[in-house]
Amino acid sequence: MAKKRKADSVIADFGHKDAKGGGGGRSDRVPEGDYVLKLVKIEKRKAKETDNTVLWAFFKIAQGPKKGKKIVERFTLTPKALFRLRNWLEAMGLEVPEKKTAIKYGKYVGEEVGATIVDGEEYKNRIPSEVGEFIPVDEVEEDDEDEDDDELEEDDELDEDEDDEDLEEVDLEDL
């Protein structure tokens, strides 16, 4: 049995009044539009400037002519920025409660989600592609190209912080 590690989950207070609402890594440049993304890696980091906890999500486009291109998304775990994390989880079909929730983020590696990709603001003479919004996969128009059935390596299962009895686990297995 795998040893449970407390650092492998994060606590997100979706019940906070400011959490309501509908980049270390670089994204490849792709044309604006809707894409199916597959999560290939996600890790928890601290922002240097603010010391806020941030989940760095590394996606690859899963189908179409831009298949394999990298899109990086950052989910800052502050009340005013949690709407991005909520939108991603809801676009995958998860119901996100409005209370503190343990997110076993490693369980989502290999999962697909739709996203509207837009041009970001120019930085160092480069315009990055970034997620404008997450959408359900079935809202992305299908492309005629065949998809590969490549398997992605998944991180070890990440476990809920069991010390807080008010936490609710959000899990893809509930879909």
N, C-alpha and C. Protein backbone atom coordinates (compact mmCIF):
# COMPACT_ATOMS: atom_id res chain seq x y z
N MET A 1 0.85 -1.18 0.00
CA MET A 1 0.00 0.00 0.00
C MET A 1 0.89 1.23 0.00
N ALA A 2 0.55 2.20 -0.82
CA ALA A 2 1.34 3.42 -0.92
C ALA A 2 1.20 4.25 0.35
N LYS A 3 2.31 4.83 0.76
CA LYS A 3 2.30 5.68 1.93
C LYS A 3 1.57 6.98 1.60
N LYS A 4 0.69 7.40 2.47
CA LYS A 4 -0.05 8.64 2.27
C LYS A 4 0.86 9.82 2.58
N ARG A 5 0.87 10.77 1.68
CA ARG A 5 1.70 11.95 1.86
C ARG A 5 0.82 13.18 1.91
N LYS A 6 0.90 13.93 2.98
CA LYS A 6 0.07 15.10 3.20
C LYS A 6 0.29 16.16 2.12
N ALA A 7 1.50 16.29 1.62
CA ALA A 7 1.82 17.34 0.65
C ALA A 7 1.23 17.08 -0.72
N ASP A 8 0.60 15.94 -0.94
CA ASP A 8 0.11 15.58 -2.27
C ASP A 8 -1.33 16.01 -2.54
N SER A 9 -1.90 16.78 -1.66
CA SER A 9 -3.23 17.33 -1.93
C SER A 9 -3.21 18.79 -1.49
N VAL A 10 -4.15 19.53 -1.97
CA VAL A 10 -4.26 20.93 -1.58
C VAL A 10 -5.66 21.17 -1.04
N ILE A 11 -5.77 22.17 -0.20
CA ILE A 11 -7.07 22.57 0.34
C ILE A 11 -7.50 23.83 -0.40
N ALA A 12 -8.69 23.79 -0.97
CA ALA A 12 -9.24 24.94 -1.69
C ALA A 12 -10.57 25.30 -1.05
N ASP A 13 -10.69 26.52 -0.53
CA ASP A 13 -11.92 26.96 0.13
C ASP A 13 -12.85 27.59 -0.89
N PHE A 14 -13.62 26.74 -1.60
CA PHE A 14 -14.57 27.21 -2.59
C PHE A 14 -15.77 27.90 -1.96
N GLY A 15 -15.91 27.82 -0.64
CA GLY A 15 -17.00 28.48 0.06
C GLY A 15 -16.72 29.94 0.35
N HIS A 16 -15.47 30.37 0.21
CA HIS A 16 -15.09 31.77 0.47
C HIS A 16 -15.84 32.69 -0.48
N LYS A 17 -16.28 33.84 0.02
CA LYS A 17 -17.08 34.76 -0.80
C LYS A 17 -16.36 35.22 -2.06
N ASP A 18 -15.04 35.30 -2.04
CA ASP A 18 -14.28 35.74 -3.21
C ASP A 18 -13.96 34.61 -4.17
N ALA A 19 -14.31 33.37 -3.83
CA ALA A 19 -13.98 32.22 -4.69
C ALA A 19 -15.10 31.89 -5.67
N LYS A 20 -16.16 32.63 -5.64
CA LYS A 20 -17.28 32.38 -6.55
C LYS A 20 -16.93 32.86 -7.95
N GLY A 21 -17.63 32.38 -8.94
CA GLY A 21 -17.39 32.86 -10.29
C GLY A 21 -17.36 31.73 -11.28
N GLY A 22 -18.07 32.17 -12.22
CA GLY A 22 -18.25 31.21 -13.29
C GLY A 22 -16.89 30.84 -14.00
N GLY A 23 2.21 30.63 -15.93
CA GLY A 23 3.36 30.43 -16.62
C GLY A 23 4.63 29.76 -16.07
N GLY A 24 7.44 29.54 -14.89
CA GLY A 24 8.24 28.37 -15.09
C GLY A 24 7.92 27.52 -16.26
N GLY A 25 6.70 27.56 -16.79
CA GLY A 25 6.40 26.74 -17.95
C GLY A 25 5.89 27.63 -19.06
N ARG A 26 6.15 27.24 -20.27
CA ARG A 26 5.71 28.02 -21.41
C ARG A 26 4.80 27.18 -22.29
N SER A 27 3.74 27.81 -22.74
CA SER A 27 2.84 27.15 -23.68
C SER A 27 3.38 27.31 -25.08
N ASP A 28 3.07 26.33 -25.93
CA ASP A 28 3.37 26.47 -27.35
C ASP A 28 2.36 27.45 -27.93
N ARG A 29 2.71 28.08 -29.03
CA ARG A 29 1.79 29.00 -29.69
C ARG A 29 0.92 28.21 -30.65
N VAL A 30 -0.39 28.33 -30.50
CA VAL A 30 -1.34 27.69 -31.40
C VAL A 30 -2.41 28.71 -31.78
N PRO A 31 -3.10 28.50 -32.89
CA PRO A 31 -4.18 29.43 -33.26
C PRO A 31 -5.29 29.42 -32.21
N GLU A 32 -5.91 30.57 -32.03
CA GLU A 32 -7.02 30.64 -31.09
C GLU A 32 -8.13 29.69 -31.54
N GLY A 33 -8.83 29.11 -30.59
CA GLY A 33 -9.93 28.20 -30.90
C GLY A 33 -10.14 27.21 -29.77
N ASP A 34 -11.06 26.28 -30.00
CA ASP A 34 -11.37 25.26 -29.01
C ASP A 34 -10.56 24.00 -29.28
N TYR A 35 -10.03 23.41 -28.22
CA TYR A 35 -9.19 22.22 -28.31
C TYR A 35 -9.55 21.25 -27.20
N VAL A 36 -9.25 19.98 -27.40
CA VAL A 36 -9.32 18.98 -26.34
C VAL A 36 -7.91 18.88 -25.78
N LEU A 37 -7.78 19.07 -24.46
CA LEU A 37 -6.50 19.00 -23.79
C LEU A 37 -6.44 17.77 -22.90
N LYS A 38 -5.27 17.17 -22.81
CA LYS A 38 -5.05 16.05 -21.89
C LYS A 38 -4.03 16.50 -20.86
N LEU A 39 -4.36 16.33 -19.58
CA LEU A 39 -3.44 16.70 -18.50
C LEU A 39 -2.31 15.66 -18.45
N VAL A 40 -1.07 16.11 -18.61
CA VAL A 40 0.07 15.19 -18.59
C VAL A 40 0.89 15.29 -17.31
N LYS A 41 0.76 16.42 -16.60
CA LYS A 41 1.51 16.59 -15.37
C LYS A 41 0.87 17.73 -14.59
N ILE A 42 0.88 17.62 -13.26
CA ILE A 42 0.40 18.71 -12.41
C ILE A 42 1.23 18.69 -11.14
N GLU A 43 1.65 19.86 -10.71
CA GLU A 43 2.48 19.93 -9.51
C GLU A 43 2.16 21.18 -8.71
N LYS A 44 2.40 21.08 -7.41
CA LYS A 44 2.16 22.19 -6.50
C LYS A 44 3.46 22.95 -6.32
N ARG A 45 3.40 24.28 -6.43
CA ARG A 45 4.56 25.14 -6.25
C ARG A 45 4.17 26.36 -5.42
N LYS A 46 5.16 27.08 -4.97
CA LYS A 46 4.95 28.36 -4.29
C LYS A 46 5.35 29.48 -5.24
N ALA A 47 4.53 30.51 -5.34
CA ALA A 47 4.86 31.67 -6.14
C ALA A 47 5.98 32.44 -5.44
N LYS A 48 7.02 32.77 -6.18
CA LYS A 48 8.18 33.45 -5.58
C LYS A 48 7.81 34.80 -5.00
N GLU A 49 7.06 35.58 -5.74
CA GLU A 49 6.76 36.95 -5.33
C GLU A 49 5.77 37.03 -4.17
N THR A 50 4.79 36.14 -4.15
CA THR A 50 3.71 36.25 -3.17
C THR A 50 3.67 35.14 -2.14
N ASP A 51 4.38 34.06 -2.38
CA ASP A 51 4.38 32.87 -1.52
C ASP A 51 3.03 32.15 -1.55
N ASN A 52 2.16 32.48 -2.53
CA ASN A 52 0.89 31.77 -2.68
C ASN A 52 1.13 30.38 -3.25
N THR A 53 0.27 29.45 -2.89
CA THR A 53 0.34 28.11 -3.46
C THR A 53 -0.29 28.15 -4.84
N VAL A 54 0.39 27.51 -5.80
CA VAL A 54 -0.07 27.49 -7.19
C VAL A 54 0.04 26.07 -7.72
N LEU A 55 -1.01 25.58 -8.37
CA LEU A 55 -0.95 24.31 -9.08
C LEU A 55 -0.57 24.62 -10.52
N TRP A 56 0.52 24.01 -10.97
CA TRP A 56 0.96 24.16 -12.36
C TRP A 56 0.45 22.93 -13.11
N ALA A 57 -0.40 23.16 -14.09
CA ALA A 57 -0.99 22.08 -14.87
C ALA A 57 -0.40 22.12 -16.28
N PHE A 58 0.17 21.00 -16.70
CA PHE A 58 0.79 20.89 -18.02
C PHE A 58 -0.10 20.00 -18.88
N PHE A 59 -0.69 20.60 -19.90
CA PHE A 59 -1.59 19.92 -20.81
C PHE A 59 -0.91 19.75 -22.17
N LYS A 60 -1.38 18.76 -22.93
CA LYS A 60 -1.02 18.64 -24.34
C LYS A 60 -2.32 18.57 -25.12
N ILE A 61 -2.30 19.18 -26.30
CA ILE A 61 -3.48 19.08 -27.16
C ILE A 61 -3.62 17.63 -27.58
N ALA A 62 -4.82 17.07 -27.41
CA ALA A 62 -5.04 15.63 -27.54
C ALA A 62 -5.42 15.17 -28.94
N GLN A 63 -5.81 16.08 -29.82
CA GLN A 63 -6.25 15.66 -31.15
C GLN A 63 -6.14 16.82 -32.13
N GLY A 64 -6.25 16.49 -33.40
CA GLY A 64 -6.24 17.51 -34.43
C GLY A 64 -4.83 17.85 -34.90
N PRO A 65 -4.73 18.81 -35.81
CA PRO A 65 -3.44 19.14 -36.41
C PRO A 65 -2.42 19.68 -35.41
N LYS A 66 -2.84 20.19 -34.29
CA LYS A 66 -1.93 20.71 -33.28
C LYS A 66 -1.69 19.73 -32.14
N LYS A 67 -2.06 18.47 -32.36
CA LYS A 67 -1.89 17.42 -31.36
C LYS A 67 -0.45 17.41 -30.85
N GLY A 68 -0.31 17.34 -29.52
CA GLY A 68 1.01 17.28 -28.90
C GLY A 68 1.55 18.61 -28.44
N LYS A 69 0.96 19.72 -28.90
CA LYS A 69 1.43 21.03 -28.47
C LYS A 69 1.10 21.24 -26.99
N LYS A 70 1.99 21.91 -26.28
CA LYS A 70 1.88 22.07 -24.82
C LYS A 70 1.14 23.36 -24.47
N ILE A 71 0.24 23.25 -23.50
CA ILE A 71 -0.46 24.40 -22.93
C ILE A 71 -0.27 24.32 -21.41
N VAL A 72 0.21 25.40 -20.82
CA VAL A 72 0.45 25.44 -19.38
C VAL A 72 -0.58 26.34 -18.73
N GLU A 73 -1.17 25.86 -17.66
CA GLU A 73 -2.16 26.63 -16.90
C GLU A 73 -1.71 26.67 -15.44
N ARG A 74 -1.91 27.81 -14.80
CA ARG A 74 -1.58 27.93 -13.39
C ARG A 74 -2.86 28.23 -12.61
N PHE A 75 -3.08 27.46 -11.56
CA PHE A 75 -4.24 27.68 -10.69
C PHE A 75 -3.72 28.22 -9.36
N THR A 76 -3.89 29.52 -9.13
CA THR A 76 -3.47 30.12 -7.88
C THR A 76 -4.55 29.84 -6.84
N LEU A 77 -4.14 29.37 -5.67
CA LEU A 77 -5.10 28.96 -4.65
C LEU A 77 -5.39 30.08 -3.67
N THR A 78 -5.81 31.21 -4.21
CA THR A 78 -6.30 32.31 -3.39
C THR A 78 -7.79 32.45 -3.68
N PRO A 79 -8.56 32.95 -2.73
CA PRO A 79 -10.01 33.02 -2.94
C PRO A 79 -10.43 33.70 -4.24
N LYS A 80 -9.79 34.80 -4.61
CA LYS A 80 -10.19 35.52 -5.82
C LYS A 80 -9.79 34.81 -7.10
N ALA A 81 -8.88 33.85 -7.03
CA ALA A 81 -8.42 33.15 -8.24
C ALA A 81 -8.95 31.73 -8.34
N LEU A 82 -9.65 31.24 -7.32
CA LEU A 82 -10.13 29.86 -7.33
C LEU A 82 -11.15 29.57 -8.43
N PHE A 83 -11.76 30.61 -9.00
CA PHE A 83 -12.73 30.37 -10.05
C PHE A 83 -12.10 29.61 -11.23
N ARG A 84 -10.80 29.78 -11.48
CA ARG A 84 -10.13 29.07 -12.59
C ARG A 84 -10.09 27.57 -12.29
N LEU A 85 -9.72 27.22 -11.06
CA LEU A 85 -9.68 25.82 -10.67
C LEU A 85 -11.08 25.23 -10.70
N ARG A 86 -12.05 25.97 -10.19
CA ARG A 86 -13.45 25.52 -10.21
C ARG A 86 -13.91 25.27 -11.65
N ASN A 87 -13.61 26.19 -12.56
CA ASN A 87 -14.04 26.05 -13.96
C ASN A 87 -13.44 24.80 -14.59
N TRP A 88 -12.16 24.53 -14.31
CA TRP A 88 -11.51 23.33 -14.85
C TRP A 88 -12.21 22.07 -14.33
N LEU A 89 -12.43 21.99 -13.02
CA LEU A 89 -13.07 20.81 -12.44
C LEU A 89 -14.49 20.63 -12.97
N GLU A 90 -15.24 21.72 -13.07
CA GLU A 90 -16.61 21.63 -13.56
C GLU A 90 -16.65 21.25 -15.04
N ALA A 91 -15.70 21.73 -15.83
CA ALA A 91 -15.65 21.37 -17.25
C ALA A 91 -15.39 19.88 -17.43
N MET A 92 -14.75 19.26 -16.44
CA MET A 92 -14.53 17.81 -16.48
C MET A 92 -15.77 17.06 -15.97
N GLY A 93 -16.81 17.78 -15.59
CA GLY A 93 -18.05 17.15 -15.16
C GLY A 93 -18.15 16.94 -13.66
N LEU A 94 -17.24 17.51 -12.90
CA LEU A 94 -17.27 17.34 -11.45
C LEU A 94 -18.16 18.40 -10.80
N GLU A 95 -18.82 18.01 -9.72
CA GLU A 95 -19.60 18.95 -8.95
C GLU A 95 -18.70 19.47 -7.84
N VAL A 96 -18.49 20.78 -7.80
CA VAL A 96 -17.57 21.37 -6.83
C VAL A 96 -18.40 21.98 -5.69
N PRO A 97 -18.24 21.47 -4.47
CA PRO A 97 -19.01 22.00 -3.34
C PRO A 97 -18.52 23.39 -2.94
N GLU A 98 -19.37 24.15 -2.31
CA GLU A 98 -18.99 25.49 -1.86
C GLU A 98 -18.53 25.41 -0.42
N LYS A 99 -17.42 24.71 -0.22
CA LYS A 99 -16.80 24.59 1.10
C LYS A 99 -15.36 24.14 0.90
N LYS A 100 -14.59 24.09 1.98
CA LYS A 100 -13.21 23.62 1.88
C LYS A 100 -13.21 22.20 1.34
N THR A 101 -12.34 21.97 0.39
CA THR A 101 -12.33 20.70 -0.33
C THR A 101 -10.90 20.24 -0.56
N ALA A 102 -10.62 18.97 -0.32
CA ALA A 102 -9.30 18.41 -0.65
C ALA A 102 -9.34 17.98 -2.11
N ILE A 103 -8.42 18.48 -2.88
CA ILE A 103 -8.35 18.16 -4.30
C ILE A 103 -7.18 17.22 -4.51
N LYS A 104 -7.46 15.97 -4.86
CA LYS A 104 -6.40 15.00 -5.17
C LYS A 104 -5.99 15.23 -6.62
N TYR A 105 -5.22 16.26 -6.82
CA TYR A 105 -4.93 16.72 -8.18
C TYR A 105 -4.22 15.71 -9.05
N GLY A 106 -3.43 14.82 -8.49
CA GLY A 106 -2.71 13.83 -9.28
C GLY A 106 -3.63 12.82 -9.96
N LYS A 107 -4.84 12.66 -9.44
CA LYS A 107 -5.79 11.71 -10.04
C LYS A 107 -6.27 12.16 -11.41
N TYR A 108 -6.09 13.42 -11.74
CA TYR A 108 -6.59 13.95 -12.98
C TYR A 108 -5.60 13.82 -14.14
N VAL A 109 -4.38 13.38 -13.84
CA VAL A 109 -3.40 13.17 -14.91
C VAL A 109 -3.96 12.13 -15.88
N GLY A 110 -3.93 12.45 -17.16
CA GLY A 110 -4.47 11.58 -18.19
C GLY A 110 -5.90 11.92 -18.57
N GLU A 111 -6.55 12.76 -17.80
CA GLU A 111 -7.93 13.14 -18.10
C GLU A 111 -7.97 14.24 -19.16
N GLU A 112 -9.04 14.26 -19.92
CA GLU A 112 -9.22 15.26 -20.96
C GLU A 112 -10.26 16.29 -20.56
N VAL A 113 -10.09 17.49 -21.10
CA VAL A 113 -11.01 18.60 -20.87
C VAL A 113 -10.97 19.48 -22.11
N GLY A 114 -12.07 20.14 -22.40
CA GLY A 114 -12.09 21.09 -23.49
C GLY A 114 -11.58 22.44 -23.01
N ALA A 115 -11.04 23.22 -23.93
CA ALA A 115 -10.57 24.55 -23.57
C ALA A 115 -10.63 25.47 -24.78
N THR A 116 -10.99 26.70 -24.52
CA THR A 116 -10.90 27.74 -25.53
C THR A 116 -9.54 28.40 -25.33
N ILE A 117 -8.68 28.26 -26.34
CA ILE A 117 -7.32 28.81 -26.27
C ILE A 117 -7.33 30.19 -26.92
N VAL A 118 -6.73 31.15 -26.24
CA VAL A 118 -6.65 32.53 -26.72
C VAL A 118 -5.20 33.00 -26.69
N ASP A 119 -4.94 34.09 -27.37
CA ASP A 119 -3.62 34.72 -27.29
C ASP A 119 -3.53 35.49 -25.98
N GLY A 120 -2.42 35.29 -25.27
CA GLY A 120 -2.19 36.02 -24.03
C GLY A 120 -1.52 37.35 -24.33
N GLU A 121 -1.13 38.03 -23.26
CA GLU A 121 -0.44 39.31 -23.41
C GLU A 121 1.02 39.06 -23.78
N GLU A 122 1.53 39.92 -24.63
CA GLU A 122 2.92 39.80 -25.07
C GLU A 122 3.87 39.90 -23.88
N TYR A 123 4.85 39.02 -23.85
CA TYR A 123 5.86 39.00 -22.80
C TYR A 123 7.19 38.64 -23.45
N LYS A 124 8.17 39.51 -23.28
CA LYS A 124 9.50 39.31 -23.88
C LYS A 124 9.40 39.03 -25.38
N ASN A 125 8.64 39.88 -26.07
CA ASN A 125 8.46 39.79 -27.53
C ASN A 125 7.81 38.49 -27.99
N ARG A 126 7.03 37.87 -27.15
CA ARG A 126 6.37 36.61 -27.49
C ARG A 126 4.93 36.66 -27.01
N ILE A 127 4.01 36.21 -27.85
CA ILE A 127 2.60 36.14 -27.46
C ILE A 127 2.30 34.68 -27.15
N PRO A 128 2.03 34.37 -25.90
CA PRO A 128 1.75 32.98 -25.54
C PRO A 128 0.30 32.60 -25.80
N SER A 129 0.08 31.32 -26.01
CA SER A 129 -1.29 30.79 -26.04
C SER A 129 -1.65 30.41 -24.61
N GLU A 130 -2.88 30.69 -24.23
CA GLU A 130 -3.31 30.34 -22.88
C GLU A 130 -4.79 29.98 -22.88
N VAL A 131 -5.20 29.38 -21.79
CA VAL A 131 -6.60 28.97 -21.65
C VAL A 131 -7.45 30.20 -21.36
N GLY A 132 -8.41 30.47 -22.23
CA GLY A 132 -9.37 31.53 -21.98
C GLY A 132 -10.44 31.03 -21.02
N GLU A 133 -10.91 29.81 -21.30
CA GLU A 133 -11.87 29.16 -20.40
C GLU A 133 -11.85 27.66 -20.68
N PHE A 134 -12.22 26.90 -19.67
CA PHE A 134 -12.37 25.46 -19.83
C PHE A 134 -13.82 25.17 -20.18
N ILE A 135 -14.01 24.18 -21.05
CA ILE A 135 -15.34 23.78 -21.48
C ILE A 135 -15.42 22.26 -21.50
N PRO A 136 -16.62 21.69 -21.44
CA PRO A 136 -16.72 20.23 -21.56
C PRO A 136 -16.18 19.75 -22.91
N VAL A 137 -15.59 18.58 -22.92
CA VAL A 137 -15.02 18.01 -24.15
C VAL A 137 -16.06 17.94 -25.25
N ASP A 138 -17.31 17.61 -24.92
CA ASP A 138 -18.33 17.46 -25.96
C ASP A 138 -18.74 18.80 -26.60
N GLU A 139 -18.24 19.91 -26.09
CA GLU A 139 -18.50 21.21 -26.71
C GLU A 139 -17.42 21.61 -27.71
N VAL A 140 -16.36 20.79 -27.80
CA VAL A 140 -15.30 21.04 -28.76
C VAL A 140 -15.69 20.36 -30.05
N GLU A 141 -15.65 21.11 -31.17
CA GLU A 141 -15.98 20.51 -32.45
C GLU A 141 -14.96 19.44 -32.80
N GLU A 142 -15.45 18.29 -33.27
CA GLU A 142 -14.56 17.18 -33.60
C GLU A 142 -13.78 17.47 -34.85
N ASP A 143 -12.55 16.96 -34.87
CA ASP A 143 -11.66 17.07 -36.02
C ASP A 143 -11.68 15.73 -36.73
N ASP A 144 -11.42 15.72 -38.01
CA ASP A 144 -11.46 14.48 -38.78
C ASP A 144 -10.24 13.59 -38.60
N GLU A 145 -9.17 14.12 -37.99
CA GLU A 145 -7.96 13.31 -37.83
C GLU A 145 -8.16 12.22 -36.79
N ASP A 146 -7.47 11.08 -37.00
CA ASP A 146 -7.52 9.99 -36.04
C ASP A 146 -6.73 10.35 -34.81
N GLU A 147 -7.18 9.85 -33.66
CA GLU A 147 -6.47 10.07 -32.40
C GLU A 147 -5.59 8.86 -32.12
N ASP A 148 -4.42 9.12 -31.54
CA ASP A 148 -3.58 8.03 -31.07
C ASP A 148 -4.06 7.62 -29.69
N ASP A 149 -3.88 6.36 -29.36
CA ASP A 149 -4.26 5.87 -28.05
C ASP A 149 -3.04 5.75 -27.15
N ASP A 150 -2.18 6.76 -27.18
CA ASP A 150 -0.98 6.73 -26.37
C ASP A 150 -1.34 6.77 -24.90
N GLU A 151 -0.67 5.93 -24.12
CA GLU A 151 -0.84 5.93 -22.67
C GLU A 151 0.11 6.94 -22.07
N LEU A 152 -0.34 7.70 -21.09
CA LEU A 152 0.51 8.64 -20.38
C LEU A 152 0.83 8.08 -19.01
N GLU A 153 2.04 8.36 -18.55
CA GLU A 153 2.39 7.94 -17.20
C GLU A 153 1.64 8.81 -16.23
N GLU A 154 1.12 8.19 -15.17
CA GLU A 154 0.42 8.94 -14.14
C GLU A 154 1.29 9.03 -12.90
N ASP A 155 1.15 10.15 -12.18
CA ASP A 155 1.84 10.31 -10.91
C ASP A 155 1.24 9.32 -9.92
N ASP A 156 1.95 9.10 -8.79
CA ASP A 156 1.38 8.28 -7.73
C ASP A 156 0.07 8.89 -7.28
N GLU A 157 -0.82 8.04 -6.79
CA GLU A 157 -2.10 8.54 -6.30
C GLU A 157 -1.84 9.49 -5.14
N LEU A 158 -2.57 10.58 -5.12
CA LEU A 158 -2.41 11.58 -4.08
C LEU A 158 -3.58 11.48 -3.14
N ASP A 159 -3.30 11.59 -1.86
CA ASP A 159 -4.31 11.31 -0.85
C ASP A 159 -4.80 12.57 -0.15
N GLU A 160 -6.05 12.49 0.27
CA GLU A 160 -6.71 13.57 0.98
C GLU A 160 -6.06 13.78 2.33
N ASP A 161 -6.02 15.04 2.77
CA ASP A 161 -5.56 15.36 4.12
C ASP A 161 -6.64 14.88 5.07
N GLU A 162 -6.33 13.84 5.82
CA GLU A 162 -7.35 13.21 6.67
C GLU A 162 -7.53 13.92 8.00
N ASP A 163 -6.75 14.97 8.28
CA ASP A 163 -6.83 15.64 9.57
C ASP A 163 -7.98 16.63 9.65
N ASP A 164 -8.63 16.97 8.57
CA ASP A 164 -9.70 17.96 8.57
C ASP A 164 -11.00 17.26 8.20
N GLU A 165 -11.88 17.10 9.19
CA GLU A 165 -13.11 16.36 8.94
C GLU A 165 -14.11 17.12 8.09
N ASP A 166 -13.91 18.42 7.86
CA ASP A 166 -14.82 19.21 7.02
C ASP A 166 -14.49 19.11 5.54
N LEU A 167 -13.49 18.31 5.17
CA LEU A 167 -13.07 18.25 3.78
C LEU A 167 -13.90 17.24 3.01
N GLU A 168 -14.16 17.56 1.76
CA GLU A 168 -14.85 16.65 0.87
C GLU A 168 -13.95 16.39 -0.32
N GLU A 169 -13.81 15.13 -0.69
CA GLU A 169 -12.94 14.78 -1.81
C GLU A 169 -13.68 14.95 -3.12
N VAL A 170 -13.01 15.54 -4.10
CA VAL A 170 -13.53 15.65 -5.45
C VAL A 170 -12.78 14.59 -6.26
N ASP A 171 -13.50 13.66 -6.87
CA ASP A 171 -12.86 12.51 -7.47
C ASP A 171 -13.52 12.18 -8.81
N LEU A 172 -12.72 11.94 -9.81
CA LEU A 172 -13.27 11.60 -11.12
C LEU A 172 -14.08 10.31 -11.10
N GLU A 173 -13.79 9.43 -10.17
CA GLU A 173 -14.51 8.16 -10.13
C GLU A 173 -16.00 8.37 -9.85
N ASP A 174 -16.37 9.55 -9.36
CA ASP A 174 -17.76 9.85 -9.06
C ASP A 174 -18.56 10.24 -10.30
N LEU A 175 -17.90 10.39 -11.44
CA LEU A 175 -18.60 10.80 -12.66
C LEU A 175 -19.54 9.73 -13.16
